[in-house]
Amino acid sequence: MKVVEIVKIGSELLKILSKNDVRIDDWQYVTMYERFIRMRKEGVKYIVAVNQLAEEYGMSRATIERAIKKFRKEC
């Protein structure tokens, strides 16, 4: 399959993603975000959760916070 065929198949979804500032590689943060939500429901403070996730996932706190902010945004 060629790239053009993949783009044609997913063009409507790609338009929606692009319109909402969602990057194709944002999928890699979904599991981390779900873990963040669970931690917050368990009563873990925001900064503690961010610090722990940054360490667990080998990402900076800023990256974790950007992903959280993006995933909280309404479309």
N, C-alpha and C. Protein backbone atom coordinates (compact mmCIF):
# COMPACT_ATOMS: atom_id res chain seq x y z
N MET A 1 0.84 -1.18 0.00
CA MET A 1 0.00 0.00 0.00
C MET A 1 0.89 1.24 0.00
N LYS A 2 0.48 2.22 -0.75
CA LYS A 2 1.24 3.46 -0.84
C LYS A 2 0.70 4.48 0.16
N VAL A 3 1.54 5.43 0.50
CA VAL A 3 1.17 6.46 1.47
C VAL A 3 -0.08 7.20 1.00
N VAL A 4 -0.16 7.52 -0.27
CA VAL A 4 -1.31 8.25 -0.79
C VAL A 4 -2.61 7.48 -0.54
N GLU A 5 -2.56 6.17 -0.62
CA GLU A 5 -3.75 5.35 -0.38
C GLU A 5 -4.16 5.41 1.09
N ILE A 6 -3.20 5.39 1.97
CA ILE A 6 -3.49 5.49 3.41
C ILE A 6 -4.10 6.85 3.73
N VAL A 7 -3.52 7.89 3.16
CA VAL A 7 -4.03 9.25 3.40
C VAL A 7 -5.45 9.38 2.87
N LYS A 8 -5.72 8.82 1.70
CA LYS A 8 -7.06 8.89 1.14
C LYS A 8 -8.07 8.18 2.04
N ILE A 9 -7.71 7.03 2.55
CA ILE A 9 -8.60 6.26 3.41
C ILE A 9 -8.91 7.04 4.69
N GLY A 10 -7.90 7.65 5.27
CA GLY A 10 -8.08 8.34 6.54
C GLY A 10 -8.20 9.84 6.44
N SER A 11 -8.51 10.36 5.25
CA SER A 11 -8.47 11.81 5.06
C SER A 11 -9.43 12.57 5.97
N GLU A 12 -10.63 12.06 6.17
CA GLU A 12 -11.58 12.76 7.03
C GLU A 12 -11.08 12.81 8.47
N LEU A 13 -10.58 11.70 8.97
CA LEU A 13 -10.03 11.68 10.33
C LEU A 13 -8.81 12.59 10.43
N LEU A 14 -7.96 12.56 9.42
CA LEU A 14 -6.78 13.43 9.42
C LEU A 14 -7.16 14.90 9.44
N LYS A 15 -8.23 15.26 8.73
CA LYS A 15 -8.71 16.64 8.74
C LYS A 15 -9.15 17.05 10.14
N ILE A 16 -9.90 16.17 10.80
CA ILE A 16 -10.39 16.45 12.15
C ILE A 16 -9.22 16.58 13.11
N LEU A 17 -8.26 15.68 13.02
CA LEU A 17 -7.08 15.73 13.89
C LEU A 17 -6.32 17.03 13.68
N SER A 18 -6.10 17.38 12.43
CA SER A 18 -5.36 18.59 12.10
C SER A 18 -6.08 19.84 12.60
N LYS A 19 -7.38 19.88 12.40
CA LYS A 19 -8.19 21.03 12.84
C LYS A 19 -8.11 21.22 14.35
N ASN A 20 -7.93 20.13 15.10
CA ASN A 20 -7.91 20.18 16.55
C ASN A 20 -6.51 20.12 17.14
N ASP A 21 -5.51 20.38 16.31
CA ASP A 21 -4.11 20.43 16.75
C ASP A 21 -3.63 19.13 17.38
N VAL A 22 -4.13 18.00 16.86
CA VAL A 22 -3.71 16.69 17.33
C VAL A 22 -2.68 16.15 16.35
N ARG A 23 -1.52 15.82 16.87
CA ARG A 23 -0.46 15.27 16.01
C ARG A 23 -0.62 13.76 15.89
N ILE A 24 -0.16 13.23 14.81
CA ILE A 24 -0.28 11.79 14.56
C ILE A 24 0.41 10.98 15.65
N ASP A 25 1.51 11.49 16.19
CA ASP A 25 2.23 10.71 17.20
C ASP A 25 1.72 10.94 18.63
N ASP A 26 0.61 11.64 18.80
CA ASP A 26 0.03 11.83 20.13
C ASP A 26 -0.50 10.52 20.72
N TRP A 27 -0.68 9.50 19.91
CA TRP A 27 -1.15 8.20 20.39
C TRP A 27 -0.25 7.67 21.51
N GLN A 28 1.02 8.03 21.48
CA GLN A 28 1.97 7.48 22.45
C GLN A 28 1.73 7.99 23.87
N TYR A 29 0.90 9.03 24.02
CA TYR A 29 0.63 9.59 25.35
C TYR A 29 -0.68 9.10 25.95
N VAL A 30 -1.46 8.32 25.23
CA VAL A 30 -2.78 7.89 25.71
C VAL A 30 -2.67 7.07 26.99
N THR A 31 -1.81 6.08 27.03
CA THR A 31 -1.66 5.25 28.22
C THR A 31 -1.19 6.09 29.41
N MET A 32 -0.26 6.97 29.17
CA MET A 32 0.23 7.85 30.24
C MET A 32 -0.91 8.72 30.77
N TYR A 33 -1.73 9.29 29.87
CA TYR A 33 -2.84 10.14 30.29
C TYR A 33 -3.86 9.34 31.10
N GLU A 34 -4.17 8.15 30.67
CA GLU A 34 -5.11 7.30 31.41
C GLU A 34 -4.59 7.00 32.80
N ARG A 35 -3.29 6.77 32.90
CA ARG A 35 -2.67 6.54 34.22
C ARG A 35 -2.78 7.79 35.07
N PHE A 36 -2.55 8.96 34.47
CA PHE A 36 -2.68 10.23 35.18
C PHE A 36 -4.09 10.39 35.75
N ILE A 37 -5.09 10.09 34.96
CA ILE A 37 -6.48 10.20 35.41
C ILE A 37 -6.74 9.27 36.58
N ARG A 38 -6.26 8.03 36.50
CA ARG A 38 -6.43 7.09 37.61
C ARG A 38 -5.75 7.61 38.88
N MET A 39 -4.54 8.13 38.73
CA MET A 39 -3.81 8.65 39.89
C MET A 39 -4.58 9.79 40.54
N ARG A 40 -5.10 10.69 39.74
CA ARG A 40 -5.85 11.83 40.28
C ARG A 40 -7.12 11.36 40.99
N LYS A 41 -7.80 10.36 40.44
CA LYS A 41 -8.99 9.82 41.09
C LYS A 41 -8.65 9.16 42.42
N GLU A 42 -7.43 8.64 42.51
CA GLU A 42 -6.97 8.02 43.76
C GLU A 42 -6.50 9.06 44.77
N GLY A 43 -6.53 10.34 44.39
CA GLY A 43 -6.18 11.40 45.32
C GLY A 43 -4.74 11.89 45.24
N VAL A 44 -4.00 11.42 44.26
CA VAL A 44 -2.61 11.87 44.10
C VAL A 44 -2.63 13.32 43.61
N LYS A 45 -1.85 14.16 44.24
CA LYS A 45 -1.79 15.57 43.85
C LYS A 45 -1.21 15.69 42.43
N TYR A 46 -1.65 16.75 41.73
CA TYR A 46 -1.28 16.97 40.34
C TYR A 46 0.24 16.90 40.14
N ILE A 47 0.98 17.70 40.88
CA ILE A 47 2.43 17.78 40.67
C ILE A 47 3.13 16.46 41.00
N VAL A 48 2.61 15.74 41.99
CA VAL A 48 3.19 14.43 42.34
C VAL A 48 2.95 13.45 41.19
N ALA A 49 1.74 13.47 40.65
CA ALA A 49 1.42 12.58 39.52
C ALA A 49 2.29 12.90 38.32
N VAL A 50 2.44 14.18 38.01
CA VAL A 50 3.27 14.59 36.86
C VAL A 50 4.71 14.16 37.06
N ASN A 51 5.24 14.39 38.25
CA ASN A 51 6.63 13.99 38.53
C ASN A 51 6.82 12.49 38.41
N GLN A 52 5.89 11.73 38.95
CA GLN A 52 6.00 10.27 38.90
C GLN A 52 5.90 9.77 37.46
N LEU A 53 4.98 10.32 36.68
CA LEU A 53 4.84 9.90 35.29
C LEU A 53 6.07 10.27 34.47
N ALA A 54 6.62 11.44 34.74
CA ALA A 54 7.83 11.86 34.02
C ALA A 54 8.96 10.86 34.26
N GLU A 55 9.07 10.43 35.50
CA GLU A 55 10.13 9.45 35.83
C GLU A 55 9.82 8.09 35.19
N GLU A 56 8.58 7.63 35.32
CA GLU A 56 8.20 6.32 34.78
C GLU A 56 8.35 6.24 33.27
N TYR A 57 7.97 7.30 32.58
CA TYR A 57 7.97 7.27 31.11
C TYR A 57 9.22 7.88 30.50
N GLY A 58 10.13 8.36 31.33
CA GLY A 58 11.37 8.93 30.82
C GLY A 58 11.14 10.18 29.99
N MET A 59 10.17 10.99 30.40
CA MET A 59 9.84 12.22 29.69
C MET A 59 10.03 13.39 30.65
N SER A 60 10.12 14.57 30.09
CA SER A 60 10.22 15.75 30.94
C SER A 60 8.85 16.07 31.53
N ARG A 61 8.84 16.80 32.63
CA ARG A 61 7.58 17.23 33.23
C ARG A 61 6.80 18.09 32.24
N ALA A 62 7.52 18.92 31.50
CA ALA A 62 6.85 19.79 30.53
C ALA A 62 6.13 18.98 29.46
N THR A 63 6.73 17.90 29.00
CA THR A 63 6.09 17.04 28.00
C THR A 63 4.83 16.41 28.57
N ILE A 64 4.91 15.92 29.80
CA ILE A 64 3.75 15.32 30.46
C ILE A 64 2.64 16.36 30.58
N GLU A 65 2.98 17.55 31.03
CA GLU A 65 1.98 18.60 31.22
C GLU A 65 1.36 19.04 29.90
N ARG A 66 2.14 19.11 28.83
CA ARG A 66 1.60 19.46 27.51
C ARG A 66 0.59 18.41 27.04
N ALA A 67 0.93 17.14 27.24
CA ALA A 67 0.03 16.06 26.83
C ALA A 67 -1.26 16.11 27.63
N ILE A 68 -1.16 16.33 28.93
CA ILE A 68 -2.35 16.42 29.78
C ILE A 68 -3.24 17.58 29.32
N LYS A 69 -2.62 18.72 29.10
CA LYS A 69 -3.37 19.90 28.66
C LYS A 69 -4.08 19.63 27.33
N LYS A 70 -3.38 19.00 26.40
CA LYS A 70 -3.95 18.72 25.08
C LYS A 70 -5.11 17.74 25.19
N PHE A 71 -4.95 16.70 25.99
CA PHE A 71 -5.99 15.68 26.08
C PHE A 71 -7.21 16.15 26.86
N ARG A 72 -7.07 17.18 27.68
CA ARG A 72 -8.20 17.74 28.43
C ARG A 72 -9.03 18.68 27.55
N LYS A 73 -8.45 19.16 26.48
CA LYS A 73 -9.09 20.16 25.63
C LYS A 73 -10.31 19.58 24.92
N GLU A 74 -11.38 20.33 24.91
CA GLU A 74 -12.59 19.96 24.17
C GLU A 74 -12.37 20.19 22.68
N CYS A 75 -12.95 19.35 21.88
CA CYS A 75 -12.86 19.50 20.42
C CYS A 75 -14.11 20.14 19.87
